[in-house]
Amino acid sequence: MTKTLNVLEAAVAGHGPRRLADICADSGVPKASVHRILATLTDLGFITSEGGGSYRAGTRMLALAEEVKAAGATGIGDVLTKLSREVRQTVHLALRSGDHAVYVHKVEADQPYRMASRVGMRLPLHCTAIGKSILAHLPEHELESIFATAGMPAKTSETITDVERLSAELAQIREQGYAIDDEENEKTIRCIGAPVFDRTDTVVGGVSISTVAFILPREELLTFAPALQTAVASLTNLL
């Protein structure tokens, strides 16, 4: 079941058709198994073959996605929109998906600039505010698994690539309740993020406030922490 879900996720990631080689690489499943799983998913309508070894989401998968979106939309958008208006910055909600997270909601700020992020985009866990918020609340064995599969590649000169240094920061995040991405994932972009938990108190994702580093000082970004934490607390019963 885990292999099937990993293949399905890899096959529908991003925009447009995905090549077999990319699906194998992203899912971590051997090629022979991927072939078999894709054949089953195609028969069921979750995946469609584009020919030439490329695949995309099938009509059944698209319908399911719309049903999930409709079921989860109630209240979530209101919480995120309220937060964005309060801080006058762009707000994201991302949910964990294995060794990364995926943006599922974005509220663009009424500012002259636009963030390059988009719903459906994957984000690494070790160098983003949402990602570090998630990592801070995972058990040690899960952290080890994520670091083994995803690694800690340097996205910018500010990215933390040392496990001990990141572990120390994760302890601080647990204590203060929020994380900072100080141009660690993308130059000029600074974010503050906090974890989102489900009804069982399991971390499932996070919310971030994204800013342009040369426009908003770090000190001012930190003042958004109370509003952010109020917002994520409101999401607990909505996920």
Protein backbone atom coordinates (compact mmCIF):
# COMPACT_ATOMS: atom_id res chain seq x y z
CA MET A 1 0.00 0.00 0.00
CA THR A 2 2.81 2.43 0.86
CA LYS A 3 4.51 1.83 -2.49
CA THR A 4 1.24 2.41 -4.34
CA LEU A 5 0.60 5.69 -2.56
CA ASN A 6 4.17 6.83 -3.18
CA VAL A 7 3.85 6.06 -6.89
CA LEU A 8 0.48 7.79 -7.11
CA GLU A 9 1.84 10.89 -5.39
CA ALA A 10 4.89 11.00 -7.65
CA ALA A 11 2.77 10.52 -10.78
CA VAL A 12 0.51 13.51 -10.06
CA ALA A 13 3.14 15.87 -8.62
CA GLY A 14 3.71 19.19 -10.35
CA HIS A 15 2.02 20.31 -13.55
CA GLY A 16 1.63 18.27 -16.70
CA PRO A 17 2.65 14.71 -17.56
CA ARG A 18 5.44 13.01 -15.61
CA ARG A 19 8.04 10.68 -17.11
CA LEU A 20 8.43 7.15 -15.80
CA ALA A 21 12.01 7.84 -14.73
CA ASP A 22 10.89 10.80 -12.61
CA ILE A 23 8.11 8.79 -11.01
CA CYS A 24 10.59 6.05 -10.08
CA ALA A 25 13.07 8.56 -8.67
CA ASP A 26 10.52 10.51 -6.63
CA SER A 27 8.66 7.48 -5.30
CA GLY A 28 11.77 5.46 -4.46
CA VAL A 29 10.09 2.38 -5.92
CA PRO A 30 11.89 0.03 -8.35
CA LYS A 31 11.00 0.42 -12.01
CA ALA A 32 9.39 -3.02 -12.34
CA SER A 33 7.08 -2.33 -9.41
CA VAL A 34 6.26 1.16 -10.69
CA HIS A 35 5.21 -0.34 -14.05
CA ARG A 36 2.87 -2.77 -12.31
CA ILE A 37 1.40 -0.17 -9.96
CA LEU A 38 0.85 2.36 -12.76
CA ALA A 39 -0.96 -0.28 -14.81
CA THR A 40 -3.35 -0.91 -11.91
CA LEU A 41 -3.88 2.81 -11.24
CA THR A 42 -4.54 3.38 -14.95
CA ASP A 43 -7.14 0.59 -15.01
CA LEU A 44 -8.84 2.20 -12.00
CA GLY A 45 -8.85 5.66 -13.60
CA PHE A 46 -6.54 7.34 -11.10
CA ILE A 47 -3.75 7.68 -13.68
CA THR A 48 -3.80 8.24 -17.44
CA SER A 49 -1.03 7.16 -19.80
CA GLU A 50 0.11 9.89 -22.18
CA GLY A 51 2.20 7.49 -24.25
CA GLY A 52 5.95 7.56 -24.58
CA GLY A 53 6.40 6.60 -20.94
CA SER A 54 4.59 9.64 -19.50
CA TYR A 55 1.65 9.73 -17.10
CA ARG A 56 -0.71 12.28 -15.59
CA ALA A 57 -3.62 12.38 -13.16
CA GLY A 58 -6.69 10.53 -14.40
CA THR A 59 -10.30 11.69 -14.24
CA ARG A 60 -10.99 9.70 -11.06
CA MET A 61 -8.02 11.32 -9.34
CA LEU A 62 -9.13 14.79 -10.46
CA ALA A 63 -12.65 14.18 -9.17
CA LEU A 64 -11.32 12.93 -5.85
CA ALA A 65 -9.10 16.00 -5.55
CA GLU A 66 -12.09 18.29 -6.00
CA GLU A 67 -14.08 16.39 -3.41
CA VAL A 68 -11.24 16.66 -0.89
CA LYS A 69 -10.80 20.34 -1.68
CA ALA A 70 -14.49 21.04 -1.14
CA ALA A 71 -14.61 19.05 2.10
CA GLY A 72 -11.60 20.83 3.57
CA ALA A 73 -12.33 24.33 2.37
CA THR A 74 -14.90 25.23 5.01
CA GLY A 75 -13.35 27.59 7.52
CA ILE A 76 -9.72 27.11 6.48
CA GLY A 77 -9.75 29.88 3.90
CA ASP A 78 -11.39 32.24 6.38
CA VAL A 79 -8.68 31.64 8.98
CA LEU A 80 -5.85 32.17 6.51
CA THR A 81 -7.43 35.23 4.91
CA LYS A 82 -7.95 36.83 8.32
CA LEU A 83 -4.28 36.23 9.20
CA SER A 84 -3.08 37.64 5.87
CA ARG A 85 -5.15 40.79 6.29
CA GLU A 86 -3.97 41.24 9.88
CA VAL A 87 -0.25 41.08 9.03
CA ARG A 88 -0.59 42.34 5.43
CA GLN A 89 1.65 39.57 4.12
CA THR A 90 1.28 36.40 2.06
CA VAL A 91 0.13 33.35 4.02
CA HIS A 92 0.57 29.68 3.12
CA LEU A 93 -0.80 26.41 4.46
CA ALA A 94 1.22 23.29 3.62
CA LEU A 95 0.63 19.68 4.62
CA ARG A 96 3.30 17.08 5.14
CA SER A 97 3.65 14.41 2.47
CA GLY A 98 6.41 11.98 3.37
CA ASP A 99 9.81 13.67 3.34
CA HIS A 100 8.47 17.01 2.07
CA ALA A 101 5.41 19.25 2.38
CA VAL A 102 2.98 20.54 -0.23
CA TYR A 103 1.28 23.93 -0.40
CA VAL A 104 -2.48 23.40 -0.31
CA HIS A 105 -3.62 26.98 0.27
CA LYS A 106 -2.18 30.42 -0.44
CA VAL A 107 -3.52 33.88 0.35
CA GLU A 108 -1.62 36.54 -1.56
CA ALA A 109 -1.04 39.82 0.25
CA ASP A 110 -2.20 43.13 -1.16
CA GLN A 111 1.36 44.18 -1.92
CA PRO A 112 3.12 45.40 -5.09
CA TYR A 113 5.15 42.17 -5.18
CA ARG A 114 4.01 38.55 -5.64
CA MET A 115 5.48 35.39 -4.18
CA ALA A 116 6.56 32.74 -6.69
CA SER A 117 4.97 29.97 -4.61
CA ARG A 118 1.83 28.17 -5.81
CA VAL A 119 -0.63 25.60 -4.55
CA GLY A 120 0.69 22.13 -5.31
CA MET A 121 4.34 23.15 -5.00
CA ARG A 122 6.56 20.90 -2.92
CA LEU A 123 8.80 22.39 -0.28
CA PRO A 124 11.74 20.85 1.59
CA LEU A 125 11.45 20.39 5.33
CA HIS A 126 14.97 21.27 6.50
CA CYS A 127 15.12 24.83 5.18
CA THR A 128 11.59 26.24 5.30
CA ALA A 129 9.64 27.69 8.21
CA ILE A 130 6.77 25.27 7.72
CA GLY A 131 9.16 22.37 7.22
CA LYS A 132 11.17 23.04 10.34
CA SER A 133 7.95 23.45 12.33
CA ILE A 134 6.95 19.97 11.20
CA LEU A 135 10.36 18.41 11.87
CA ALA A 136 10.42 19.85 15.38
CA HIS A 137 7.44 17.71 16.33
CA LEU A 138 8.40 14.39 14.74
CA PRO A 139 9.91 11.42 16.61
CA GLU A 140 13.63 10.80 16.20
CA HIS A 141 13.23 7.75 13.97
CA GLU A 142 11.13 9.74 11.49
CA LEU A 143 13.72 12.52 11.41
CA GLU A 144 16.45 10.01 10.64
CA SER A 145 14.36 8.52 7.83
CA ILE A 146 13.66 11.93 6.28
CA PHE A 147 17.30 13.01 6.41
CA ALA A 148 18.32 9.67 4.86
CA THR A 149 15.91 9.95 1.94
CA ALA A 150 15.72 13.69 1.30
CA GLY A 151 19.11 14.80 2.61
CA MET A 152 19.81 18.39 3.60
CA PRO A 153 20.90 20.06 0.35
CA ALA A 154 21.97 23.70 0.42
CA LYS A 155 19.32 25.83 -1.27
CA THR A 156 21.11 29.10 -0.45
CA SER A 157 24.24 30.12 1.45
CA GLU A 158 22.06 30.35 4.60
CA THR A 159 20.69 26.80 4.49
CA ILE A 160 21.47 24.67 7.53
CA THR A 161 23.08 21.47 6.24
CA ASP A 162 24.43 20.10 9.52
CA VAL A 163 22.18 17.69 11.43
CA GLU A 164 23.45 18.70 14.87
CA ARG A 165 22.93 22.38 14.18
CA LEU A 166 19.43 21.75 12.83
CA SER A 167 18.58 19.53 15.80
CA ALA A 168 19.52 22.36 18.16
CA GLU A 169 17.25 24.73 16.23
CA LEU A 170 14.39 22.22 16.29
CA ALA A 171 14.61 22.12 20.09
CA GLN A 172 14.32 25.91 20.15
CA ILE A 173 11.34 25.77 17.79
CA ARG A 174 9.52 23.36 20.10
CA GLU A 175 10.11 25.73 23.00
CA GLN A 176 9.06 28.97 21.28
CA GLY A 177 6.29 27.54 19.09
CA TYR A 178 7.43 28.88 15.73
CA ALA A 179 10.25 28.61 13.18
CA ILE A 180 12.09 31.11 11.01
CA ASP A 181 13.32 30.62 7.46
CA ASP A 182 15.89 33.39 7.16
CA GLU A 183 16.56 33.26 3.40
CA GLU A 184 17.41 29.55 3.81
CA ASN A 185 15.21 28.25 0.99
CA GLU A 186 15.14 31.27 -1.31
CA LYS A 187 17.25 34.41 -1.30
CA THR A 188 15.39 37.59 -0.30
CA ILE A 189 12.48 35.59 1.20
CA ARG A 190 12.09 35.39 4.97
CA CYS A 191 9.25 33.48 6.64
CA ILE A 192 7.85 32.64 10.03
CA GLY A 193 5.95 29.38 10.41
CA ALA A 194 4.11 27.38 13.05
CA PRO A 195 2.96 23.74 13.15
CA VAL A 196 -0.58 22.57 12.57
CA PHE A 197 -1.82 19.53 14.50
CA ASP A 198 -4.80 17.28 13.89
CA ARG A 199 -7.34 16.15 16.48
CA THR A 200 -4.94 13.47 17.75
CA ASP A 201 -2.22 16.05 18.40
CA THR A 202 -0.15 14.74 15.48
CA VAL A 203 1.68 17.35 13.43
CA VAL A 204 0.26 17.34 9.89
CA GLY A 205 1.58 20.56 8.38
CA GLY A 206 2.13 24.22 9.06
CA VAL A 207 1.21 27.79 8.26
CA SER A 208 3.72 30.44 7.26
CA ILE A 209 3.84 34.17 6.76
CA SER A 210 6.19 35.04 3.89
CA THR A 211 7.95 38.37 3.52
CA VAL A 212 10.60 40.05 1.40
CA ALA A 213 13.75 40.31 3.52
CA PHE A 214 14.89 43.72 2.31
CA ILE A 215 11.44 45.25 2.86
CA LEU A 216 10.44 43.79 6.24
CA PRO A 217 13.09 43.49 9.00
CA ARG A 218 13.41 40.22 10.92
CA GLU A 219 12.46 42.01 14.14
CA GLU A 220 9.11 43.05 12.66
CA LEU A 221 8.50 39.54 11.30
CA LEU A 222 8.84 38.15 14.83
CA THR A 223 5.98 40.38 16.00
CA PHE A 224 3.66 38.28 13.80
CA ALA A 225 4.17 35.19 16.00
CA PRO A 226 1.11 35.68 18.27
CA ALA A 227 -1.26 36.15 15.31
CA LEU A 228 0.27 33.13 13.56
CA GLN A 229 -0.11 30.91 16.62
CA THR A 230 -3.73 31.99 17.05
CA ALA A 231 -4.40 31.05 13.43
CA VAL A 232 -2.85 27.57 13.62
CA ALA A 233 -4.75 26.85 16.83
CA SER A 234 -7.98 27.63 14.95
CA LEU A 235 -7.10 25.08 12.27
CA THR A 236 -6.80 22.08 14.59
CA ASN A 237 -10.45 21.08 14.33
CA LEU A 238 -10.64 21.85 10.62
CA LEU A 239 -8.07 19.32 9.39
